[in-house]
């Protein structure tokens, strides 16, 4: 699913800067996380819609994150959703899309009785590279001297 999705979306709009594509196993092949570097406004949403309309018809939920987010770590992905998403403009849905035949949550009302679902996406990426000032406001806050600090000294022993 990851390879098919990456191949499908890499050439959209003349080429998107896709860094990684992950389909977490715990999500049963229904979720995709796109790690990308959007150059202009709207590219993250374009990549998300491309992923949901691509050859992998089991995908129902897509999330776009930036290069500073670990796409393998769902805790980091959800941090990005919680801290970088404005739900009114960054969440979208598409109704009536063909569903995987084994999707028990799908409705059977499509053409020829085929199962259909609503697929949705969350753009949890920072503003594009063309907006560096806005982008900077979404950068992670890293405490000074973090690399030199031994956190084990401050945490209880297990």
N, C-alpha and C. Protein backbone atom coordinates (compact mmCIF):
# COMPACT_ATOMS: atom_id res chain seq x y z
N UNK A 1 0.83 -1.19 0.00
CA UNK A 1 0.00 0.00 0.00
C UNK A 1 0.88 1.26 0.00
N UNK A 2 1.96 1.23 0.78
CA UNK A 2 2.84 2.40 0.86
C UNK A 2 3.49 2.69 -0.49
N UNK A 3 4.01 1.66 -1.13
CA UNK A 3 4.70 1.84 -2.41
C UNK A 3 3.73 2.30 -3.50
N UNK A 4 2.54 1.70 -3.56
CA UNK A 4 1.56 2.10 -4.56
C UNK A 4 1.11 3.54 -4.37
N UNK A 5 0.88 3.93 -3.12
CA UNK A 5 0.45 5.29 -2.83
C UNK A 5 1.55 6.29 -3.17
N UNK A 6 2.78 6.00 -2.76
CA UNK A 6 3.90 6.89 -3.06
C UNK A 6 4.08 7.07 -4.56
N UNK A 7 4.02 5.97 -5.30
CA UNK A 7 4.18 6.04 -6.75
C UNK A 7 3.07 6.88 -7.37
N UNK A 8 1.85 6.72 -6.87
CA UNK A 8 0.70 7.43 -7.42
C UNK A 8 0.80 8.94 -7.19
N UNK A 9 1.18 9.37 -6.00
CA UNK A 9 1.15 10.80 -5.68
C UNK A 9 2.44 11.55 -6.01
N UNK A 10 3.53 10.86 -6.24
CA UNK A 10 4.81 11.52 -6.48
C UNK A 10 4.81 12.43 -7.71
N UNK A 11 4.00 12.14 -8.71
CA UNK A 11 4.02 12.92 -9.95
C UNK A 11 2.88 13.91 -10.07
N UNK A 12 2.02 14.00 -9.06
CA UNK A 12 0.92 14.97 -9.09
C UNK A 12 1.51 16.38 -9.10
N UNK A 13 0.88 17.29 -9.81
CA UNK A 13 1.31 18.70 -9.93
C UNK A 13 2.76 18.82 -10.40
N UNK A 14 3.20 17.91 -11.23
CA UNK A 14 4.56 17.99 -11.74
C UNK A 14 5.61 17.51 -10.75
N UNK A 15 5.17 16.93 -9.67
CA UNK A 15 6.09 16.37 -8.68
C UNK A 15 5.97 17.02 -7.32
N UNK A 16 5.53 16.24 -6.35
CA UNK A 16 5.44 16.70 -4.98
C UNK A 16 6.67 16.24 -4.22
N UNK A 17 7.06 16.98 -3.22
CA UNK A 17 8.23 16.63 -2.42
C UNK A 17 7.80 15.69 -1.30
N UNK A 18 7.60 14.42 -1.65
CA UNK A 18 7.17 13.40 -0.70
C UNK A 18 8.42 12.80 -0.05
N UNK A 19 8.46 12.81 1.28
CA UNK A 19 9.61 12.28 2.01
C UNK A 19 9.38 10.84 2.43
N UNK A 20 8.16 10.53 2.87
CA UNK A 20 7.86 9.18 3.35
C UNK A 20 6.35 8.94 3.25
N UNK A 21 5.99 7.69 3.09
CA UNK A 21 4.59 7.27 3.08
C UNK A 21 4.49 6.06 4.00
N UNK A 22 3.64 6.13 5.01
CA UNK A 22 3.49 5.05 5.97
C UNK A 22 2.04 4.67 6.14
N UNK A 23 1.77 3.37 6.16
CA UNK A 23 0.46 2.83 6.48
C UNK A 23 0.63 2.01 7.76
N UNK A 24 0.33 2.60 8.92
CA UNK A 24 0.56 1.90 10.19
C UNK A 24 -0.20 0.58 10.25
N UNK A 25 0.48 -0.47 10.63
CA UNK A 25 -0.13 -1.80 10.72
C UNK A 25 -1.30 -1.83 11.69
N UNK A 26 -1.19 -1.06 12.77
CA UNK A 26 -2.25 -1.07 13.78
C UNK A 26 -3.56 -0.50 13.25
N UNK A 27 -3.53 0.16 12.11
CA UNK A 27 -4.74 0.76 11.54
C UNK A 27 -5.37 -0.12 10.46
N UNK A 28 -4.90 -1.32 10.30
CA UNK A 28 -5.53 -2.27 9.39
C UNK A 28 -5.56 -1.85 7.94
N UNK A 29 -4.50 -1.23 7.45
CA UNK A 29 -4.38 -0.80 6.05
C UNK A 29 -5.45 0.21 5.64
N UNK A 30 -5.96 0.98 6.60
CA UNK A 30 -6.99 1.97 6.29
C UNK A 30 -6.51 3.40 6.50
N UNK A 31 -5.29 3.58 7.01
CA UNK A 31 -4.74 4.90 7.30
C UNK A 31 -3.42 5.05 6.58
N UNK A 32 -3.19 6.27 6.07
CA UNK A 32 -1.89 6.56 5.46
C UNK A 32 -1.38 7.88 6.03
N UNK A 33 -0.09 7.92 6.33
CA UNK A 33 0.57 9.13 6.81
C UNK A 33 1.55 9.56 5.73
N UNK A 34 1.39 10.78 5.25
CA UNK A 34 2.27 11.33 4.22
C UNK A 34 3.21 12.34 4.87
N UNK A 35 4.48 12.06 4.80
CA UNK A 35 5.49 13.01 5.29
C UNK A 35 5.98 13.76 4.06
N UNK A 36 5.76 15.08 4.05
CA UNK A 36 6.08 15.84 2.86
C UNK A 36 6.60 17.23 3.18
N UNK A 37 7.04 17.90 2.14
CA UNK A 37 7.54 19.27 2.24
C UNK A 37 6.75 20.11 1.23
N UNK A 38 5.60 20.69 1.65
CA UNK A 38 4.78 21.46 0.71
C UNK A 38 5.49 22.76 0.30
N UNK A 39 5.63 22.96 -1.01
CA UNK A 39 6.31 24.17 -1.50
C UNK A 39 5.37 25.36 -1.61
N UNK A 40 4.12 25.11 -2.02
CA UNK A 40 3.13 26.18 -2.17
C UNK A 40 1.83 25.75 -1.48
N UNK A 41 0.98 26.73 -1.22
CA UNK A 41 -0.30 26.45 -0.57
C UNK A 41 -1.14 25.44 -1.34
N UNK A 42 -1.77 24.54 -0.63
CA UNK A 42 -2.65 23.56 -1.22
C UNK A 42 -1.99 22.25 -1.61
N UNK A 43 -0.64 22.20 -1.62
CA UNK A 43 0.02 20.96 -2.04
C UNK A 43 -0.21 19.81 -1.09
N UNK A 44 -0.27 20.07 0.20
CA UNK A 44 -0.51 18.99 1.16
C UNK A 44 -1.90 18.38 0.93
N UNK A 45 -2.90 19.22 0.74
CA UNK A 45 -4.25 18.72 0.49
C UNK A 45 -4.32 17.98 -0.84
N UNK A 46 -3.60 18.45 -1.84
CA UNK A 46 -3.56 17.76 -3.13
C UNK A 46 -2.98 16.36 -2.95
N UNK A 47 -1.90 16.25 -2.18
CA UNK A 47 -1.28 14.94 -1.93
C UNK A 47 -2.23 14.03 -1.16
N UNK A 48 -2.94 14.58 -0.18
CA UNK A 48 -3.88 13.79 0.61
C UNK A 48 -5.02 13.25 -0.26
N UNK A 49 -5.60 14.11 -1.10
CA UNK A 49 -6.67 13.66 -1.99
C UNK A 49 -6.15 12.65 -3.00
N UNK A 50 -4.91 12.85 -3.46
CA UNK A 50 -4.31 11.88 -4.37
C UNK A 50 -4.15 10.53 -3.73
N UNK A 51 -3.73 10.52 -2.48
CA UNK A 51 -3.55 9.25 -1.77
C UNK A 51 -4.89 8.53 -1.58
N UNK A 52 -5.92 9.29 -1.24
CA UNK A 52 -7.23 8.68 -1.00
C UNK A 52 -7.95 8.26 -2.28
N UNK A 53 -7.54 8.81 -3.41
CA UNK A 53 -8.20 8.45 -4.67
C UNK A 53 -7.31 7.55 -5.53
N UNK A 54 -6.24 7.06 -4.96
CA UNK A 54 -5.30 6.25 -5.70
C UNK A 54 -5.68 4.79 -5.80
N UNK A 55 -4.72 3.95 -6.17
CA UNK A 55 -5.00 2.54 -6.43
C UNK A 55 -5.30 1.71 -5.18
N UNK A 56 -4.98 2.21 -4.00
CA UNK A 56 -5.23 1.46 -2.77
C UNK A 56 -6.61 1.85 -2.24
N UNK A 57 -7.62 1.04 -2.53
CA UNK A 57 -8.99 1.44 -2.18
C UNK A 57 -9.38 1.08 -0.75
N UNK A 58 -8.45 0.60 0.05
CA UNK A 58 -8.77 0.33 1.45
C UNK A 58 -8.50 1.55 2.33
N UNK A 59 -7.80 2.56 1.81
CA UNK A 59 -7.47 3.74 2.62
C UNK A 59 -8.71 4.58 2.86
N UNK A 60 -8.94 4.95 4.13
CA UNK A 60 -10.10 5.76 4.49
C UNK A 60 -9.71 7.06 5.18
N UNK A 61 -8.49 7.14 5.69
CA UNK A 61 -8.05 8.31 6.45
C UNK A 61 -6.61 8.62 6.08
N UNK A 62 -6.33 9.87 5.75
CA UNK A 62 -4.98 10.29 5.38
C UNK A 62 -4.57 11.50 6.21
N UNK A 63 -3.30 11.53 6.61
CA UNK A 63 -2.74 12.62 7.40
C UNK A 63 -1.47 13.10 6.73
N UNK A 64 -1.31 14.41 6.59
CA UNK A 64 -0.07 14.99 6.07
C UNK A 64 0.70 15.61 7.22
N UNK A 65 2.00 15.28 7.31
CA UNK A 65 2.87 15.83 8.35
C UNK A 65 4.14 16.36 7.70
N UNK A 66 4.89 17.14 8.46
CA UNK A 66 6.14 17.74 7.97
C UNK A 66 7.33 16.84 8.23
N UNK A 67 8.47 17.29 7.71
CA UNK A 67 9.69 16.50 7.82
C UNK A 67 10.21 16.39 9.25
N UNK A 68 9.77 17.23 10.17
CA UNK A 68 10.21 17.13 11.56
C UNK A 68 9.38 16.14 12.37
N UNK A 69 8.40 15.51 11.74
CA UNK A 69 7.52 14.55 12.42
C UNK A 69 7.91 13.14 11.99
N UNK A 70 7.98 12.22 12.95
CA UNK A 70 8.30 10.82 12.67
C UNK A 70 7.01 10.12 12.22
N UNK A 71 6.92 9.83 10.92
CA UNK A 71 5.71 9.21 10.37
C UNK A 71 5.50 7.79 10.89
N UNK A 72 6.53 7.17 11.47
CA UNK A 72 6.41 5.82 12.03
C UNK A 72 5.80 5.84 13.43
N UNK A 73 5.88 6.99 14.10
CA UNK A 73 5.46 7.11 15.50
C UNK A 73 4.10 7.81 15.56
N UNK A 74 3.04 7.05 15.84
CA UNK A 74 1.70 7.63 15.86
C UNK A 74 1.54 8.69 16.95
N UNK A 75 2.34 8.60 18.02
CA UNK A 75 2.30 9.66 19.04
C UNK A 75 2.75 10.98 18.43
N UNK A 76 3.79 10.94 17.61
CA UNK A 76 4.30 12.15 16.96
C UNK A 76 3.31 12.65 15.91
N UNK A 77 2.69 11.74 15.18
CA UNK A 77 1.69 12.12 14.17
C UNK A 77 0.52 12.82 14.86
N UNK A 78 0.04 12.26 15.98
CA UNK A 78 -1.07 12.89 16.68
C UNK A 78 -0.67 14.19 17.36
N UNK A 79 0.60 14.33 17.74
CA UNK A 79 1.08 15.63 18.23
C UNK A 79 0.92 16.67 17.12
N UNK A 80 1.30 16.29 15.91
CA UNK A 80 1.19 17.20 14.78
C UNK A 80 -0.27 17.57 14.50
N UNK A 81 -1.15 16.57 14.57
CA UNK A 81 -2.58 16.85 14.37
C UNK A 81 -3.08 17.82 15.44
N UNK A 82 -2.71 17.58 16.68
CA UNK A 82 -3.20 18.41 17.78
C UNK A 82 -2.63 19.82 17.76
N UNK A 83 -1.40 19.99 17.28
CA UNK A 83 -0.76 21.30 17.38
C UNK A 83 -0.70 22.08 16.07
N UNK A 84 -0.95 21.44 14.93
CA UNK A 84 -0.80 22.14 13.65
C UNK A 84 -2.06 22.13 12.79
N UNK A 85 -3.16 21.63 13.31
CA UNK A 85 -4.38 21.52 12.52
C UNK A 85 -5.41 22.56 12.94
N UNK A 86 -5.94 23.28 11.97
CA UNK A 86 -7.08 24.17 12.17
C UNK A 86 -8.23 23.44 11.50
N UNK A 87 -9.07 22.80 12.30
CA UNK A 87 -10.07 21.86 11.78
C UNK A 87 -10.96 22.44 10.69
N UNK A 88 -11.30 23.70 10.80
CA UNK A 88 -12.20 24.30 9.82
C UNK A 88 -11.62 24.32 8.41
N UNK A 89 -10.30 24.46 8.29
CA UNK A 89 -9.69 24.54 6.96
C UNK A 89 -8.78 23.35 6.64
N UNK A 90 -8.39 22.58 7.64
CA UNK A 90 -7.42 21.50 7.43
C UNK A 90 -8.00 20.10 7.45
N UNK A 91 -9.30 19.98 7.63
CA UNK A 91 -9.96 18.67 7.64
C UNK A 91 -10.95 18.64 6.48
N UNK A 92 -10.92 17.55 5.73
CA UNK A 92 -11.83 17.43 4.59
C UNK A 92 -12.37 16.02 4.45
N UNK A 93 -13.49 15.91 3.76
CA UNK A 93 -14.12 14.61 3.54
C UNK A 93 -14.57 14.50 2.09
N UNK A 94 -14.62 13.28 1.62
CA UNK A 94 -15.13 13.01 0.28
C UNK A 94 -16.09 11.82 0.38
N UNK A 95 -17.36 12.08 0.12
CA UNK A 95 -18.39 11.05 0.25
C UNK A 95 -18.51 10.21 -1.02
N UNK A 96 -19.07 9.04 -0.86
CA UNK A 96 -19.42 8.20 -1.99
C UNK A 96 -18.26 7.59 -2.74
N UNK A 97 -17.14 7.39 -2.07
CA UNK A 97 -15.99 6.79 -2.74
C UNK A 97 -16.05 5.27 -2.60
N UNK A 98 -15.63 4.59 -3.64
CA UNK A 98 -15.67 3.13 -3.63
C UNK A 98 -14.87 2.60 -2.45
N UNK A 99 -15.45 1.63 -1.78
CA UNK A 99 -14.82 1.02 -0.60
C UNK A 99 -14.24 -0.34 -0.95
N UNK A 100 -13.36 -0.79 -0.09
CA UNK A 100 -12.84 -2.14 -0.23
C UNK A 100 -13.99 -3.11 0.04
N UNK A 101 -14.03 -4.20 -0.68
CA UNK A 101 -15.18 -5.12 -0.57
C UNK A 101 -15.31 -5.75 0.81
N UNK A 102 -14.23 -5.75 1.62
CA UNK A 102 -14.28 -6.34 2.95
C UNK A 102 -14.48 -5.28 4.04
N UNK A 103 -14.81 -4.05 3.66
CA UNK A 103 -15.02 -2.98 4.64
C UNK A 103 -16.45 -3.09 5.17
N UNK A 104 -16.58 -3.57 6.38
CA UNK A 104 -17.91 -3.80 6.97
C UNK A 104 -18.63 -2.50 7.35
N UNK A 105 -17.89 -1.40 7.42
CA UNK A 105 -18.51 -0.12 7.74
C UNK A 105 -19.07 0.58 6.51
N UNK A 106 -18.80 0.04 5.34
CA UNK A 106 -19.23 0.66 4.08
C UNK A 106 -20.72 0.47 3.85
N UNK A 107 -21.31 1.48 3.21
CA UNK A 107 -22.71 1.39 2.81
C UNK A 107 -22.77 0.75 1.42
N UNK A 108 -23.84 0.06 1.14
CA UNK A 108 -23.99 -0.57 -0.17
C UNK A 108 -25.01 0.20 -0.99
N UNK A 109 -24.62 1.38 -1.41
CA UNK A 109 -25.56 2.20 -2.17
C UNK A 109 -24.94 2.79 -3.41
N UNK A 110 -23.74 2.41 -3.74
CA UNK A 110 -23.10 2.95 -4.93
C UNK A 110 -23.69 2.38 -6.19
N UNK A 111 -23.17 2.83 -7.31
CA UNK A 111 -23.61 2.28 -8.59
C UNK A 111 -23.38 0.79 -8.57
N UNK A 112 -24.25 0.07 -9.13
CA UNK A 112 -24.23 -1.40 -9.18
C UNK A 112 -24.15 -2.05 -7.80
N UNK A 113 -24.61 -1.33 -6.76
CA UNK A 113 -24.63 -1.89 -5.41
C UNK A 113 -23.27 -2.02 -4.76
N UNK A 114 -22.26 -1.39 -5.34
CA UNK A 114 -20.89 -1.48 -4.80
C UNK A 114 -20.82 -0.75 -3.45
N UNK A 115 -19.97 -1.23 -2.56
CA UNK A 115 -19.82 -0.56 -1.26
C UNK A 115 -19.14 0.80 -1.42
N UNK A 116 -19.64 1.79 -0.68
CA UNK A 116 -19.06 3.13 -0.71
C UNK A 116 -18.81 3.63 0.72
N UNK A 117 -17.82 4.52 0.85
CA UNK A 117 -17.46 5.09 2.16
C UNK A 117 -17.19 6.58 2.01
N UNK A 118 -17.08 7.23 3.13
CA UNK A 118 -16.59 8.60 3.18
C UNK A 118 -15.12 8.50 3.58
N UNK A 119 -14.26 9.05 2.76
CA UNK A 119 -12.83 9.10 3.09
C UNK A 119 -12.55 10.51 3.57
N UNK A 120 -11.60 10.63 4.50
CA UNK A 120 -11.32 11.94 5.06
C UNK A 120 -9.84 12.14 5.29
N UNK A 121 -9.46 13.41 5.40
CA UNK A 121 -8.04 13.73 5.56
C UNK A 121 -7.86 14.85 6.57
N UNK A 122 -6.64 14.90 7.12
CA UNK A 122 -6.23 15.97 8.02
C UNK A 122 -4.88 16.49 7.53
N UNK A 123 -4.84 17.78 7.23
CA UNK A 123 -3.58 18.42 6.87
C UNK A 123 -2.95 18.94 8.15
N UNK A 124 -2.01 18.17 8.69
CA UNK A 124 -1.33 18.55 9.93
C UNK A 124 0.08 19.05 9.63
N UNK A 125 0.23 19.67 8.45
CA UNK A 125 1.54 20.20 8.06
C UNK A 125 1.58 21.71 8.32
N UNK A 126 2.79 22.22 8.39
CA UNK A 126 2.99 23.66 8.57
C UNK A 126 2.64 24.38 7.26
N UNK A 127 2.54 25.71 7.29
CA UNK A 127 2.35 26.44 6.04
C UNK A 127 3.48 26.11 5.05
N UNK A 128 3.25 26.32 3.76
CA UNK A 128 4.25 25.92 2.76
C UNK A 128 5.54 26.74 2.84
N UNK A 129 6.55 26.27 2.12
CA UNK A 129 7.87 26.92 2.11
C UNK A 129 7.80 28.36 1.61
N UNK A 130 6.80 28.69 0.81
CA UNK A 130 6.65 30.06 0.30
C UNK A 130 6.18 31.04 1.37
N UNK A 131 5.87 30.55 2.57
CA UNK A 131 5.43 31.40 3.67
C UNK A 131 6.33 31.19 4.89
N UNK A 132 7.60 31.55 4.80
CA UNK A 132 8.55 31.24 5.88
C UNK A 132 8.21 31.86 7.23
N UNK A 133 7.63 33.07 7.24
CA UNK A 133 7.29 33.70 8.52
C UNK A 133 6.19 32.92 9.24
N UNK A 134 5.13 32.58 8.52
CA UNK A 134 4.04 31.78 9.12
C UNK A 134 4.55 30.41 9.51
N UNK A 135 5.40 29.84 8.68
CA UNK A 135 5.94 28.51 8.94
C UNK A 135 6.72 28.48 10.25
N UNK A 136 7.47 29.53 10.51
CA UNK A 136 8.29 29.59 11.72
C UNK A 136 7.44 29.55 12.99
N UNK A 137 6.22 30.07 12.94
CA UNK A 137 5.37 30.06 14.14
C UNK A 137 4.91 28.65 14.51
N UNK A 138 5.03 27.70 13.57
CA UNK A 138 4.63 26.33 13.84
C UNK A 138 5.81 25.42 14.18
N UNK A 139 7.02 25.96 14.19
CA UNK A 139 8.20 25.15 14.49
C UNK A 139 8.13 24.64 15.93
N UNK A 140 8.71 23.48 16.14
CA UNK A 140 8.73 22.90 17.50
C UNK A 140 9.57 23.76 18.43
N UNK A 141 9.11 23.89 19.65
CA UNK A 141 9.88 24.60 20.66
C UNK A 141 10.84 23.60 21.31
N UNK A 142 12.13 23.84 21.17
CA UNK A 142 13.15 22.95 21.73
C UNK A 142 13.87 23.72 22.84
N UNK A 143 13.87 23.19 24.06
CA UNK A 143 14.56 23.89 25.14
C UNK A 143 16.05 24.04 24.86
N UNK A 144 16.59 25.16 25.28
CA UNK A 144 18.04 25.37 25.13
C UNK A 144 18.79 24.30 25.91
N UNK A 145 19.91 23.88 25.39
CA UNK A 145 20.78 22.88 26.03
C UNK A 145 20.14 21.52 26.20
N UNK A 146 19.12 21.21 25.41
CA UNK A 146 18.46 19.91 25.53
C UNK A 146 19.43 18.77 25.27
N UNK A 147 20.26 18.91 24.26
CA UNK A 147 21.21 17.85 23.92
C UNK A 147 22.21 17.60 25.05
N UNK A 148 22.53 18.62 25.80
CA UNK A 148 23.51 18.48 26.88
C UNK A 148 22.88 18.10 28.22
N UNK A 149 21.56 17.99 28.27
CA UNK A 149 20.86 17.69 29.51
C UNK A 149 20.63 16.19 29.65
N UNK A 150 20.98 15.65 30.80
CA UNK A 150 20.76 14.23 31.10
C UNK A 150 19.39 14.12 31.76
N UNK A 151 18.37 13.80 30.96
CA UNK A 151 17.01 13.74 31.49
C UNK A 151 16.84 12.65 32.55
N UNK A 152 17.65 11.63 32.52
CA UNK A 152 17.55 10.54 33.50
C UNK A 152 17.79 11.06 34.93
N UNK A 153 18.53 12.13 35.06
CA UNK A 153 18.77 12.71 36.38
C UNK A 153 17.49 13.28 36.99
N UNK A 154 16.54 13.65 36.18
CA UNK A 154 15.33 14.31 36.64
C UNK A 154 14.10 13.39 36.68
N UNK A 155 14.23 12.20 36.12
CA UNK A 155 13.09 11.29 36.06
C UNK A 155 13.23 10.19 37.10
N UNK A 156 12.09 9.71 37.62
CA UNK A 156 12.16 8.63 38.61
C UNK A 156 12.70 7.35 37.96
N UNK A 157 13.40 6.57 38.77
CA UNK A 157 13.96 5.31 38.26
C UNK A 157 12.86 4.29 38.13
N UNK A 158 12.91 3.51 37.06
CA UNK A 158 11.87 2.50 36.81
C UNK A 158 12.09 1.26 37.62
